[in-house]
Protein backbone atom coordinates (compact mmCIF):
# COMPACT_ATOMS: atom_id res chain seq x y z
CA MET A 1 -44.53 38.90 2.44
CA VAL A 2 -45.04 39.98 -1.14
CA PHE A 3 -45.85 37.25 -3.69
CA ASP A 4 -44.79 37.48 -6.97
CA PRO A 5 -47.76 36.93 -9.43
CA VAL A 6 -45.89 35.34 -12.13
CA ILE A 7 -44.75 32.28 -9.86
CA SER A 8 -47.56 29.49 -9.25
CA GLU A 9 -48.88 28.18 -6.18
CA SER A 10 -47.32 24.78 -7.00
CA GLU A 11 -44.32 26.18 -7.67
CA ARG A 12 -44.27 28.14 -4.23
CA GLN A 13 -45.25 25.08 -2.51
CA GLN A 14 -42.21 23.12 -4.18
CA GLU A 15 -39.62 25.92 -3.15
CA LEU A 16 -40.73 26.15 0.43
CA THR A 17 -40.51 22.34 0.62
CA ALA A 18 -36.91 22.43 -0.68
CA LYS A 19 -35.99 25.47 1.61
CA LEU A 20 -37.47 23.17 4.66
CA ALA A 21 -35.35 20.12 3.48
CA THR A 22 -32.42 21.83 3.57
CA PHE A 23 -32.65 23.26 6.83
CA SER A 24 -33.96 19.93 7.97
CA GLN A 25 -30.56 18.63 6.43
CA GLY A 26 -28.66 21.29 8.22
CA GLN A 27 -29.85 20.66 11.18
CA GLU A 28 -29.25 17.00 11.03
CA GLU A 29 -25.52 17.37 10.20
CA ARG A 30 -25.34 19.97 12.94
CA LEU A 31 -26.83 17.52 15.35
CA ALA A 32 -24.29 15.13 14.00
CA SER A 33 -21.35 17.35 14.75
CA VAL A 34 -22.68 18.45 18.14
CA LYS A 35 -22.56 14.78 19.12
CA ALA A 36 -19.10 13.85 17.61
CA GLU A 37 -17.99 17.01 20.14
CA GLN A 38 -19.48 15.47 22.91
CA LEU A 39 -17.84 12.30 22.35
CA GLY A 40 -14.44 13.63 21.50
CA LEU A 41 -14.70 12.08 17.80
CA PRO A 42 -14.17 13.85 14.49
CA TYR A 43 -17.38 14.41 12.58
CA ILE A 44 -17.69 14.09 8.54
CA ASN A 45 -20.36 14.39 5.96
CA LEU A 46 -20.20 11.41 3.82
CA VAL A 47 -23.10 12.99 1.17
CA VAL A 48 -20.38 14.99 -0.16
CA PHE A 49 -17.15 12.79 0.42
CA PRO A 50 -15.44 10.76 -2.51
CA ILE A 51 -15.87 7.46 -0.84
CA ASP A 52 -13.63 4.65 -2.44
CA SER A 53 -16.24 1.96 -3.23
CA ASP A 54 -13.59 -0.95 -2.96
CA VAL A 55 -12.99 0.59 0.74
CA LEU A 56 -16.86 0.94 1.26
CA GLU A 57 -17.42 -3.11 0.45
CA ARG A 58 -15.10 -4.40 2.64
CA ILE A 59 -18.17 -4.92 4.62
CA SER A 60 -21.23 -6.10 3.24
CA LYS A 61 -24.20 -3.72 2.73
CA GLN A 62 -26.28 -5.69 5.42
CA ASP A 63 -23.90 -5.58 8.01
CA ALA A 64 -23.10 -1.74 7.19
CA GLN A 65 -26.97 -0.91 7.08
CA ALA A 66 -27.80 -3.35 10.47
CA ALA A 67 -24.87 -1.52 12.09
CA GLN A 68 -25.65 2.08 10.74
CA VAL A 69 -21.77 2.32 9.83
CA ALA A 70 -19.70 2.88 6.48
CA LEU A 71 -15.84 2.25 5.64
CA PHE A 72 -14.95 5.27 3.67
CA TYR A 73 -11.31 6.03 3.91
CA LYS A 74 -8.21 3.68 3.84
CA GLN A 75 -4.56 5.07 3.90
CA GLY A 76 -1.87 2.25 4.45
CA ALA A 77 -3.05 0.31 7.39
CA ASP A 78 -5.64 2.80 8.69
CA ILE A 79 -9.15 2.64 7.72
CA ARG A 80 -11.65 5.55 8.47
CA VAL A 81 -15.41 4.31 9.74
CA GLY A 82 -18.12 6.23 9.93
CA ALA A 83 -20.87 5.72 12.35
CA VAL A 84 -24.25 7.32 13.40
CA ASP A 85 -23.28 5.78 16.96
CA PRO A 86 -19.92 4.87 17.57
CA GLN A 87 -20.96 3.46 21.03
CA SER A 88 -23.60 0.99 19.65
CA ALA A 89 -22.79 -2.68 19.64
CA GLY A 90 -22.82 -2.64 16.03
CA ALA A 91 -20.36 -0.25 15.40
CA GLN A 92 -18.21 -1.50 18.10
CA GLU A 93 -18.48 -5.19 15.98
CA VAL A 94 -17.42 -3.32 12.77
CA ALA A 95 -14.39 -2.00 14.42
CA LYS A 96 -13.53 -5.08 15.78
CA LYS A 97 -13.75 -6.99 12.52
CA VAL A 98 -11.79 -4.23 10.80
CA GLU A 99 -8.86 -4.67 13.53
CA GLN A 100 -8.97 -8.28 14.13
CA THR A 101 -9.96 -10.08 10.98
CA MET A 102 -8.77 -7.11 8.47
CA GLY A 103 -5.64 -6.32 9.97
CA TYR A 104 -6.46 -2.66 9.80
CA VAL A 105 -6.62 0.14 12.92
CA PRO A 106 -10.01 1.60 12.62
CA HIS A 107 -10.62 5.26 13.10
CA MET A 108 -13.99 6.18 13.98
CA TYR A 109 -15.95 9.06 13.06
CA VAL A 110 -19.42 10.55 13.70
CA VAL A 111 -21.89 10.91 11.00
CA SER A 112 -25.45 11.53 10.34
CA ASN A 113 -28.32 8.91 9.17
CA ARG A 114 -28.38 10.94 5.67
CA SER A 115 -24.33 10.34 5.45
CA ILE A 116 -25.33 6.36 5.94
CA ALA A 117 -28.02 6.61 3.26
CA ALA A 118 -25.59 8.36 0.82
CA ALA A 119 -22.86 5.70 1.39
CA LEU A 120 -25.26 2.58 0.99
CA ALA A 121 -26.41 4.09 -2.17
CA ARG A 122 -22.93 3.81 -3.39
CA TYR A 123 -22.71 0.02 -3.23
CA ARG A 124 -22.54 -1.23 -6.41
CA ARG A 125 -24.32 -4.14 -7.93
CA ASP A 126 -22.50 -6.94 -7.33
CA ALA A 127 -23.51 -10.04 -5.60
CA ALA A 128 -19.96 -11.02 -4.71
CA LEU A 129 -19.22 -7.85 -2.97
CA ASP A 130 -22.38 -7.40 -1.58
CA THR A 131 -23.68 -10.70 -0.27
CA ALA A 132 -20.63 -13.01 0.06
CA PRO A 133 -19.68 -13.93 3.37
CA GLN A 134 -15.83 -12.78 4.41
CA ASP A 135 -14.32 -16.15 3.32
CA GLU A 136 -16.40 -16.88 0.15
CA LEU A 137 -16.29 -15.38 -3.51
CA LYS A 138 -20.08 -15.76 -5.44
CA ILE A 139 -19.92 -15.45 -9.03
CA GLY A 140 -23.83 -15.85 -10.92
CA GLN A 141 -23.75 -18.41 -13.39
CA LYS A 142 -24.87 -16.17 -16.07
CA GLU A 143 -21.89 -13.66 -15.71
CA ALA A 144 -19.35 -16.79 -15.72
CA ASP A 145 -21.08 -18.18 -18.83
CA ALA A 146 -20.97 -14.90 -20.63
CA PHE A 147 -17.71 -14.57 -19.64
CA ALA A 148 -16.65 -17.85 -20.65
CA THR A 149 -18.42 -17.67 -24.07
CA GLU A 150 -16.49 -14.38 -25.32
CA LEU A 151 -13.19 -16.02 -24.24
CA LYS A 152 -11.20 -17.73 -26.51
CA ASN A 153 -7.81 -18.27 -25.79
CA LEU A 154 -5.26 -16.92 -23.17
CA GLN A 155 -4.48 -14.15 -25.34
CA ASP A 156 -8.01 -13.11 -25.54
CA LEU A 157 -8.11 -13.18 -21.95
CA GLY A 158 -4.94 -11.04 -21.61
CA LEU A 159 -6.71 -8.31 -23.53
CA ARG A 160 -9.61 -8.70 -21.33
CA ILE A 161 -7.96 -8.39 -18.21
CA THR A 162 -5.86 -5.27 -19.19
CA SER A 163 -8.71 -3.25 -20.16
CA MET A 164 -10.92 -3.72 -17.16
CA PRO A 165 -11.73 -1.96 -14.24
CA PRO A 166 -9.46 -3.10 -11.27
CA THR A 167 -12.67 -4.11 -9.41
CA GLU A 168 -13.58 -6.93 -11.80
CA ILE A 169 -10.48 -8.18 -12.51
CA LEU A 170 -10.21 -11.05 -9.65
CA SER A 171 -13.73 -12.39 -10.64
CA ALA A 172 -12.65 -12.38 -14.45
CA ILE A 173 -9.15 -14.13 -13.25
CA VAL A 174 -10.74 -16.92 -11.20
CA ILE A 175 -13.72 -17.27 -14.08
CA SER A 176 -10.62 -17.72 -16.43
CA ALA A 177 -8.88 -19.92 -14.18
CA VAL A 178 -11.56 -22.40 -14.24
CA ARG A 179 -12.66 -22.66 -17.71
CA LEU A 180 -9.25 -22.92 -18.89
CA ARG A 181 -8.69 -26.04 -16.35
CA ALA A 182 -5.70 -24.04 -14.48
CA SER A 183 -4.44 -25.66 -11.21
CA ASP A 184 -2.99 -22.82 -9.98
CA ILE A 185 -2.72 -18.88 -10.44
CA HIS A 186 0.01 -16.91 -10.07
CA VAL A 187 -0.14 -12.93 -9.62
CA GLU A 188 3.68 -11.72 -9.46
CA PRO A 189 4.15 -7.95 -9.04
CA LYS A 190 7.27 -6.08 -10.82
CA GLU A 191 8.46 -2.70 -10.13
CA LYS A 192 6.27 -1.07 -12.16
CA GLU A 193 3.46 -3.79 -13.06
CA ALA A 194 2.15 -7.20 -12.48
CA ARG A 195 2.17 -10.81 -14.41
CA LEU A 196 -0.70 -12.83 -14.22
CA ARG A 197 0.08 -16.73 -15.20
CA PHE A 198 -1.87 -19.67 -15.11
CA ARG A 199 -0.16 -23.34 -14.59
CA ILE A 200 -2.51 -25.40 -16.90
CA ASP A 201 -1.76 -29.05 -17.27
CA GLY A 202 1.45 -28.55 -15.01
CA VAL A 203 3.13 -25.73 -17.34
CA LEU A 204 3.05 -22.22 -16.66
CA GLN A 205 1.50 -20.00 -19.00
CA ASP A 206 1.91 -16.12 -19.60
CA VAL A 207 -1.72 -14.66 -19.32
CA ALA A 208 -1.35 -10.72 -19.27
CA THR A 209 0.44 -7.94 -17.34
CA PHE A 210 -1.43 -5.00 -15.73
CA ASP A 211 -1.00 -2.30 -13.26
CA ARG A 212 0.07 -2.56 -9.99
CA GLN A 213 -3.10 -0.99 -8.65
CA GLY A 214 -4.98 -4.06 -10.16
CA TRP A 215 -2.20 -6.39 -8.21
CA ALA A 216 -2.90 -4.47 -4.96
CA LEU A 217 -6.66 -4.80 -5.19
CA ILE A 218 -5.87 -8.44 -5.85
CA LEU A 219 -3.79 -8.93 -2.85
CA SER A 220 -6.10 -7.23 -0.33
CA ARG A 221 -9.41 -9.00 -1.64
CA VAL A 222 -8.11 -12.64 -1.35
CA LYS A 223 -6.45 -11.82 2.18
CA VAL A 224 -9.37 -10.73 3.38
CA MET A 225 -11.65 -13.52 2.07
CA ALA A 226 -8.86 -16.07 3.29
CA ARG A 227 -8.91 -14.17 7.02
CA LEU A 228 -5.02 -13.45 6.55
CA LYS A 229 -3.64 -9.79 8.08
CA LEU A 230 -3.57 -7.16 5.48
CA ASN A 231 -1.04 -4.78 7.43
CA VAL A 232 1.41 -7.56 7.49
CA ARG A 233 3.50 -7.54 4.48
CA ASP A 234 7.07 -9.16 5.40
CA VAL A 235 6.16 -12.60 6.12
CA PRO A 236 4.69 -15.48 4.10
CA GLN A 237 1.01 -16.27 4.97
CA ASP A 238 -1.32 -19.27 3.76
CA GLY A 239 -5.09 -19.38 3.95
CA SER A 240 -7.74 -20.22 2.07
CA PHE A 241 -11.35 -19.22 0.86
CA VAL A 242 -14.38 -20.81 -1.14
CA LEU A 243 -15.15 -20.06 -4.73
CA ARG A 244 -18.82 -20.47 -5.91
CA ILE A 245 -19.65 -20.01 -9.75
CA GLY A 246 -23.57 -21.12 -9.79
CA ASP A 247 -23.47 -24.99 -8.60
CA GLU A 248 -19.67 -25.45 -8.78
CA THR A 249 -17.59 -25.03 -5.73
CA TYR A 250 -14.05 -24.79 -5.66
CA ASP A 251 -11.39 -24.40 -2.59
CA MET A 252 -8.91 -21.73 -3.00
CA ARG A 253 -5.74 -22.31 -1.14
CA LEU A 254 -3.88 -19.07 -1.01
CA SER A 255 -0.03 -18.38 -0.29
CA THR A 256 1.72 -15.02 -0.21
CA LEU A 257 5.36 -14.50 -0.45
CA PRO A 258 7.30 -11.20 0.59
CA GLY A 259 9.59 -10.16 -2.68
CA GLY A 260 11.47 -7.33 -3.33
CA THR A 261 8.59 -5.52 -5.36
CA GLY A 262 5.61 -6.76 -3.28
CA GLU A 263 3.59 -9.83 -2.36
CA ASN A 264 3.42 -12.55 -4.60
CA ILE A 265 0.04 -14.31 -5.00
CA VAL A 266 -0.13 -18.40 -5.72
CA ILE A 267 -3.37 -19.40 -5.62
CA ARG A 268 -4.33 -23.29 -5.92
CA LEU A 269 -7.78 -24.24 -7.22
CA LEU A 270 -9.24 -27.50 -5.88
CA ASP A 271 -12.57 -28.81 -7.49
CA ARG A 272 -14.73 -30.23 -4.57
CA ARG A 273 -16.26 -32.49 -7.67
CA ALA A 274 -13.19 -33.68 -8.45
CA GLU A 275 -13.38 -37.96 -8.79
CA ALA A 276 -10.76 -40.36 -8.36
CA ALA A 277 -9.91 -41.29 -11.98
CA GLU A 278 -10.30 -44.88 -13.12
CA ILE A 279 -6.85 -46.89 -13.10
CA ALA A 280 -6.99 -47.42 -16.94
CA ALA A 281 -7.13 -43.83 -17.30
CA LEU A 282 -3.85 -42.96 -15.92
CA GLY A 283 -1.98 -44.04 -19.22
CA MET A 284 -0.14 -47.22 -18.01
CA LYS A 285 0.83 -49.66 -20.86
CA PRO A 286 -0.54 -53.33 -20.50
CA ARG A 287 2.49 -54.57 -18.57
CA ASP A 288 2.30 -52.23 -15.83
CA LEU A 289 -1.46 -52.07 -15.22
CA ASP A 290 -1.24 -55.84 -15.03
CA VAL A 291 1.62 -55.60 -12.29
CA VAL A 292 -0.57 -52.88 -10.55
CA MET A 293 -3.87 -54.56 -10.48
CA ARG A 294 -2.06 -57.86 -9.27
CA GLU A 295 -0.58 -55.68 -6.64
CA LEU A 296 -3.52 -54.44 -5.50
CA LYS A 297 -4.96 -57.72 -4.71
CA ARG A 298 -2.94 -58.12 -1.65
CA VAL A 299 -4.07 -57.77 1.86
CA ASN A 300 -0.52 -56.55 3.16
CA GLY A 301 2.52 -54.87 2.64
CA MET A 302 3.57 -51.35 0.99
CA ILE A 303 2.66 -49.82 -2.53
CA LEU A 304 5.16 -46.84 -2.72
CA ILE A 305 4.96 -44.15 -5.47
CA THR A 306 7.69 -41.47 -5.91
CA GLY A 307 8.35 -38.29 -8.02
CA PRO A 308 8.61 -34.89 -7.63
CA THR A 309 5.50 -32.28 -6.68
CA GLY A 310 3.23 -32.16 -9.33
CA SER A 311 3.78 -35.54 -10.96
CA GLY A 312 0.78 -36.72 -10.33
CA LYS A 313 1.24 -39.02 -7.15
CA THR A 314 -2.14 -38.14 -5.26
CA THR A 315 -4.06 -38.88 -8.15
CA THR A 316 -2.46 -42.23 -9.00
CA LEU A 317 -2.99 -42.84 -5.15
CA ALA A 318 -6.62 -41.89 -5.36
CA SER A 319 -7.36 -44.25 -8.50
CA PHE A 320 -5.98 -47.06 -6.63
CA LEU A 321 -8.28 -46.42 -3.61
CA ARG A 322 -11.07 -46.17 -5.89
CA GLU A 323 -10.22 -49.59 -7.06
CA VAL A 324 -9.45 -51.21 -3.66
CA ASN A 325 -12.52 -49.79 -2.34
CA ASN A 326 -15.62 -51.94 -1.02
CA ALA A 327 -18.04 -52.09 1.86
CA GLU A 328 -16.07 -55.29 3.47
CA LEU A 329 -12.73 -52.92 4.54
CA LYS A 330 -12.20 -49.88 6.17
CA ILE A 331 -9.86 -47.67 4.56
CA ILE A 332 -8.41 -44.58 6.12
CA THR A 333 -6.54 -41.97 4.57
CA LEU A 334 -4.01 -39.25 6.41
CA GLU A 335 -3.76 -36.43 3.52
CA ASP A 336 -2.32 -32.56 3.21
CA PRO A 337 -4.66 -31.62 1.88
CA ILE A 338 -7.64 -33.79 0.77
CA GLU A 339 -7.79 -33.27 -2.72
CA TYR A 340 -10.35 -36.22 -4.05
CA ARG A 341 -13.13 -37.04 -2.49
CA ILE A 342 -13.73 -40.81 -2.26
CA PRO A 343 -17.26 -42.05 -0.71
CA GLY A 344 -17.08 -45.33 1.68
CA VAL A 345 -13.27 -43.93 2.75
CA GLU A 346 -12.55 -42.31 5.81
CA GLN A 347 -10.59 -39.21 4.93
CA THR A 348 -8.55 -36.97 7.20
CA GLN A 349 -6.07 -34.23 6.93
CA VAL A 350 -2.94 -33.02 8.68
CA ASP A 351 -2.83 -29.99 10.69
CA ALA A 352 0.47 -28.55 11.57
CA ASP A 353 -1.19 -25.63 13.89
CA ALA A 354 -3.35 -28.41 15.78
CA GLY A 355 -0.08 -30.78 16.27
CA TYR A 356 -1.89 -33.30 14.20
CA SER A 357 1.37 -34.53 11.74
CA PHE A 358 1.61 -37.24 9.79
CA ALA A 359 3.21 -39.35 12.39
CA ILE A 360 1.00 -38.66 15.06
CA GLY A 361 -2.00 -39.17 12.78
CA LEU A 362 -0.55 -42.41 11.61
CA ARG A 363 -0.42 -44.21 15.08
CA SER A 364 -4.02 -42.89 15.25
CA ILE A 365 -5.04 -44.53 12.44
CA LEU A 366 -3.90 -47.65 13.54
CA ARG A 367 -5.96 -47.88 16.64
CA GLN A 368 -9.18 -47.13 14.47
CA ASP A 369 -8.65 -50.81 12.98
CA PRO A 370 -8.16 -50.24 9.42
CA ASP A 371 -7.60 -52.79 6.75
CA MET A 372 -5.77 -50.45 4.48
CA ILE A 373 -4.02 -47.03 4.82
CA MET A 374 -3.11 -44.19 2.73
CA VAL A 375 -0.48 -41.74 4.14
CA GLY A 376 -0.11 -38.56 1.69
CA GLU A 377 3.63 -38.44 2.32
CA MET A 378 6.47 -40.11 4.27
CA ARG A 379 8.55 -36.67 5.61
CA ASP A 380 10.52 -37.96 8.43
CA VAL A 381 11.82 -41.25 9.94
CA GLU A 382 9.10 -41.50 12.31
CA THR A 383 6.36 -42.00 9.86
CA ALA A 384 8.02 -44.10 7.46
CA GLU A 385 8.93 -46.53 10.47
CA THR A 386 5.43 -46.69 11.43
CA ALA A 387 4.11 -47.10 7.73
CA VAL A 388 6.67 -50.07 7.14
CA HIS A 389 5.61 -51.84 10.43
CA ALA A 390 1.76 -51.56 9.39
CA ALA A 391 2.46 -53.34 6.43
CA LEU A 392 4.53 -55.97 8.00
CA THR A 393 1.63 -56.57 10.74
CA GLY A 394 -1.35 -57.06 8.16
CA HIS A 395 -2.22 -53.78 6.59
CA LEU A 396 -2.06 -52.72 2.96
CA VAL A 397 -0.34 -49.17 2.90
CA PHE A 398 -0.13 -46.74 0.25
CA SER A 399 2.01 -43.76 0.87
CA THR A 400 4.66 -41.55 -1.51
CA LEU A 401 8.15 -40.24 -1.49
CA HIS A 402 10.31 -37.68 -3.22
CA THR A 403 12.88 -39.32 -5.29
CA ASN A 404 13.74 -38.97 -9.02
CA ASP A 405 13.14 -42.59 -9.96
CA ALA A 406 11.55 -45.83 -8.61
CA ALA A 407 15.10 -47.52 -7.96
CA GLY A 408 16.24 -44.23 -5.60
CA ALA A 409 13.27 -44.95 -3.40
CA ILE A 410 14.81 -47.90 -1.62
CA PRO A 411 18.25 -46.33 -0.69
CA ARG A 412 16.02 -43.34 0.30
CA LEU A 413 14.25 -44.98 2.83
CA VAL A 414 17.24 -46.94 3.77
CA ASP A 415 19.01 -43.15 4.67
CA MET A 416 16.14 -42.52 6.50
CA GLY A 417 16.58 -44.64 9.05
CA ILE A 418 14.52 -48.05 7.67
CA LYS A 419 16.45 -51.23 8.41
CA PRO A 420 17.10 -53.39 5.07
CA TYR A 421 15.63 -56.64 6.73
CA VAL A 422 12.39 -54.58 7.66
CA LEU A 423 12.24 -53.03 4.25
CA ALA A 424 12.53 -55.94 2.25
CA PRO A 425 9.78 -58.05 3.39
CA SER A 426 7.21 -55.08 3.52
CA LEU A 427 7.65 -53.31 -0.03
CA ASN A 428 5.52 -54.55 -2.60
CA LEU A 429 5.29 -52.27 -5.38
CA VAL A 430 7.41 -49.38 -6.08
CA ILE A 431 6.34 -46.63 -8.85
CA ALA A 432 7.87 -43.84 -10.08
CA GLN A 433 5.87 -41.16 -12.38
CA ARG A 434 5.48 -37.99 -14.26
CA LEU A 435 3.17 -36.28 -16.17
CA VAL A 436 2.92 -35.69 -19.88
CA ARG A 437 0.55 -33.40 -21.50
CA VAL A 438 -1.74 -34.94 -24.17
CA LEU A 439 -2.02 -33.69 -27.68
CA CYS A 440 -5.06 -31.60 -28.29
CA PRO A 441 -7.38 -33.88 -30.41
CA SER A 442 -9.03 -30.76 -32.32
CA CYS A 443 -5.52 -29.41 -33.65
CA ALA A 444 -2.55 -31.81 -33.35
CA GLN A 445 -0.76 -32.23 -36.75
CA GLU A 446 0.95 -35.25 -37.99
CA TYR A 447 4.14 -35.37 -39.26
CA GLU A 448 6.80 -37.98 -40.26
CA PRO A 449 9.71 -38.30 -38.02
CA ASP A 450 13.47 -37.62 -39.69
CA GLU A 451 15.99 -40.32 -39.37
CA THR A 452 17.94 -38.44 -36.79
CA VAL A 453 14.62 -38.43 -34.63
CA ARG A 454 14.28 -42.36 -35.36
CA THR A 455 17.50 -43.24 -34.33
CA ARG A 456 17.62 -40.86 -31.54
CA ILE A 457 14.48 -43.04 -29.91
CA ILE A 458 15.98 -46.88 -30.62
CA ALA A 459 19.16 -45.88 -28.51
CA ALA A 460 16.89 -44.59 -25.84
CA MET A 461 14.76 -47.99 -26.27
CA LYS A 462 17.70 -50.13 -26.17
CA GLY A 463 17.03 -53.10 -23.38
CA VAL A 464 13.55 -52.97 -23.39
CA ARG A 465 11.44 -56.18 -23.99
CA GLU A 466 10.26 -57.02 -27.59
CA ASP A 467 7.05 -57.83 -25.79
CA ILE A 468 6.69 -53.90 -24.82
CA PHE A 469 8.56 -52.47 -27.46
CA ASN A 470 9.40 -53.97 -31.29
CA PRO A 471 12.09 -51.51 -32.75
CA ASN A 472 11.02 -52.32 -36.33
CA ILE A 473 8.17 -49.76 -36.02
CA LEU A 474 10.73 -47.16 -36.04
CA GLN A 475 11.84 -48.41 -39.76
CA ASP A 476 8.46 -48.27 -40.96
CA ALA A 477 8.12 -45.75 -43.47
CA SER A 478 4.46 -44.98 -42.62
CA LEU A 479 5.58 -44.09 -39.01
CA ARG A 480 3.76 -40.81 -37.97
CA PHE A 481 4.30 -38.77 -35.11
CA ALA A 482 2.20 -35.71 -33.84
CA ARG A 483 2.98 -31.98 -32.95
CA ALA A 484 1.54 -29.42 -31.09
CA VAL A 485 -0.31 -26.59 -32.46
CA GLY A 486 -3.04 -24.82 -30.59
CA CYS A 487 -6.56 -24.02 -30.92
CA GLY A 488 -9.34 -22.16 -29.18
CA ALA A 489 -10.18 -25.86 -27.50
CA CYS A 490 -7.20 -26.19 -25.95
CA ALA A 491 -6.63 -22.39 -24.80
CA ASN A 492 -3.97 -22.37 -27.73
CA THR A 493 -1.44 -24.39 -26.04
CA GLY A 494 -1.93 -27.42 -28.27
CA TYR A 495 -2.21 -29.99 -25.26
CA ARG A 496 -5.31 -30.76 -23.40
CA GLY A 497 -5.09 -33.01 -20.43
CA ARG A 498 -2.39 -35.20 -19.01
CA LEU A 499 -1.11 -38.76 -18.87
CA GLY A 500 1.14 -40.51 -16.49
CA ALA A 501 4.88 -41.75 -17.81
CA PHE A 502 5.66 -44.93 -15.46
CA GLU A 503 8.63 -46.87 -13.94
CA ILE A 504 7.07 -49.49 -12.14
CA PHE A 505 8.53 -52.49 -10.73
CA PRO A 506 7.44 -55.30 -8.20
CA VAL A 507 9.42 -56.30 -5.26
CA GLN A 508 10.09 -60.19 -5.92
CA ASP A 509 12.88 -62.27 -4.46
CA THR A 510 15.55 -61.14 -6.24
CA MET A 511 14.50 -57.65 -5.63
CA LYS A 512 14.45 -58.34 -1.89
CA GLU A 513 17.50 -59.99 -1.71
CA LEU A 514 19.23 -56.55 -3.57
CA ILE A 515 17.42 -54.69 -0.77
CA LEU A 516 19.00 -56.98 2.16
CA SER A 517 22.59 -56.60 0.80
CA GLY A 518 22.50 -53.11 0.76
CA ALA A 519 22.91 -52.75 -3.03
CA SER A 520 22.57 -49.29 -4.86
CA SER A 521 20.08 -47.91 -7.10
CA GLN A 522 21.99 -48.57 -10.15
CA ASP A 523 21.85 -52.20 -9.44
CA ILE A 524 18.10 -52.26 -8.60
CA GLN A 525 17.40 -50.40 -11.55
CA ARG A 526 19.37 -52.75 -13.80
CA VAL A 527 17.29 -55.73 -12.16
CA ALA A 528 13.86 -53.88 -12.30
CA LEU A 529 14.97 -53.19 -16.13
CA GLU A 530 15.68 -57.07 -17.09
CA GLY A 531 12.09 -57.67 -15.32
CA GLY A 532 10.37 -55.81 -17.89
CA MET A 533 10.56 -52.17 -16.27
CA THR A 534 10.54 -49.04 -18.62
CA THR A 535 12.23 -45.89 -17.42
CA ILE A 536 10.26 -42.85 -17.43
CA ALA A 537 11.56 -41.34 -20.79
CA GLN A 538 11.15 -44.88 -22.56
CA ASP A 539 7.55 -45.20 -21.23
CA GLY A 540 7.13 -41.53 -22.66
CA TYR A 541 8.59 -42.41 -25.97
CA LEU A 542 6.11 -45.24 -26.38
CA LYS A 543 3.50 -42.40 -25.67
CA VAL A 544 5.13 -40.54 -28.68
CA ILE A 545 4.67 -43.35 -31.03
CA ASP A 546 1.34 -43.85 -30.00
CA ARG A 547 0.80 -40.03 -30.88
CA LYS A 548 -0.56 -39.39 -27.73
CA THR A 549 1.92 -36.61 -26.56
CA THR A 550 5.08 -35.10 -28.19
CA LEU A 551 8.77 -35.50 -28.24
CA GLU A 552 9.09 -32.14 -26.50
CA GLU A 553 6.83 -33.42 -23.64
CA VAL A 554 8.92 -36.44 -23.15
CA GLU A 555 11.99 -34.78 -23.03
CA ARG A 556 10.88 -31.95 -20.96
CA VAL A 557 9.87 -34.35 -18.02
CA SER A 558 12.29 -36.88 -18.45
CA GLN A 559 14.63 -34.05 -17.43
CA GLU A 560 13.16 -33.31 -14.14
């Protein structure tokens, strides 16, 4: 061997080491290739393969390292899995998870230890992807706070999301939804893009549009976390996962719905820290509050709340339970789902897949010797009949029904099959409600209502008792209403929070006679109004006069 006198001894050693390393690496890859041939499987070198990080991170780094495997490529419903030993228990467990939990078809490849090391090095420093269990999304408090600090309103959020890499979009969306008090997240695919909307204070707000790549990423990630089937795209699926932001925990209920341009995603956010509000905070006027408090002191009968989905019925029921709850009573609920945790109350949840329906659950509850029962909804005649008979036999029963107004609840129950002679003595109180958005105190702007508006409200309030509404107030020249403007404090919507607009009437002797006679909802409403009930629109106008909400809000909800 001839040595070049210009090259130093240390340089020669470095060159020799590099050649030996190259030989060793080559030998390792050749051994992996031979093993693949023996097993009848394909071989691949992942050191030079362009691995998609979103595919790689569908299993945690810890699981990949323990099993010496890597997910390196996905096409349609197929995922390629590289394994040092495809026959090992760890590799087989990963393949099983890919197929049964994720809904993909795994295709096994043989790789070297060097390939696995290269794949592990490509995991990003993202706690949510790296360490979270499959059904949990974790976001650090510092990350969430930093994002929330920079977020001013929905417009800012839209700009941020459209400029983000696809892998960060989901975390940004859920952080934003929590900070903006959204109850639901809607991701709707279109032909060339996807639309993101938040439901804030009951109203959907446009947030952003982004490319379909972002939508596809969000869809696959939430499906994996909610344990839905990724390869099923033509039928609706429902599931759930947990979101943790620092010490805050949220239940995320996921629904997917097939559409002409892809699957629509809706995620409902349920804060585990949410507590039942005090009754005084619901927005009832003094007359209604007095009626409710009196009826809550009864030991038997039924209190029924009506209204469409999203009208706040569950929140009102939870407030009632909070009011009546004490150590001397046994209170059991049957809900779908449990939205408010109430200490001291035994709360159960229906499970249709397990055959635990409202009707079956209610019969079981009655065998538990309860004093009070809350049934989330009377959906069928069996549940309604059981609830009504429970109210007659010494239990105070709370429940909900879907009707447009309070007066319509009675004919609805009769139509369901409840006999008037059973209903009349069991029903104590009927409430219908809607939710109106409350003006943001930081940006609400006062104005003087014109004569047309004053005249319209006077006409709408006709027949309301003067102890509830004095029409002279609308003739006062100093009267001021308020309008929504929008600022950073309210996500530029002009509103922050919601209050109820109510129709409330107790079922007293005159009303019982009407029920027994089979009276129409019009007759029931007439008698209820004579007794001091205000309609939802009238209650809303009282809140406009008090500058708690706007005319537009009242007219929006009173038309539902």
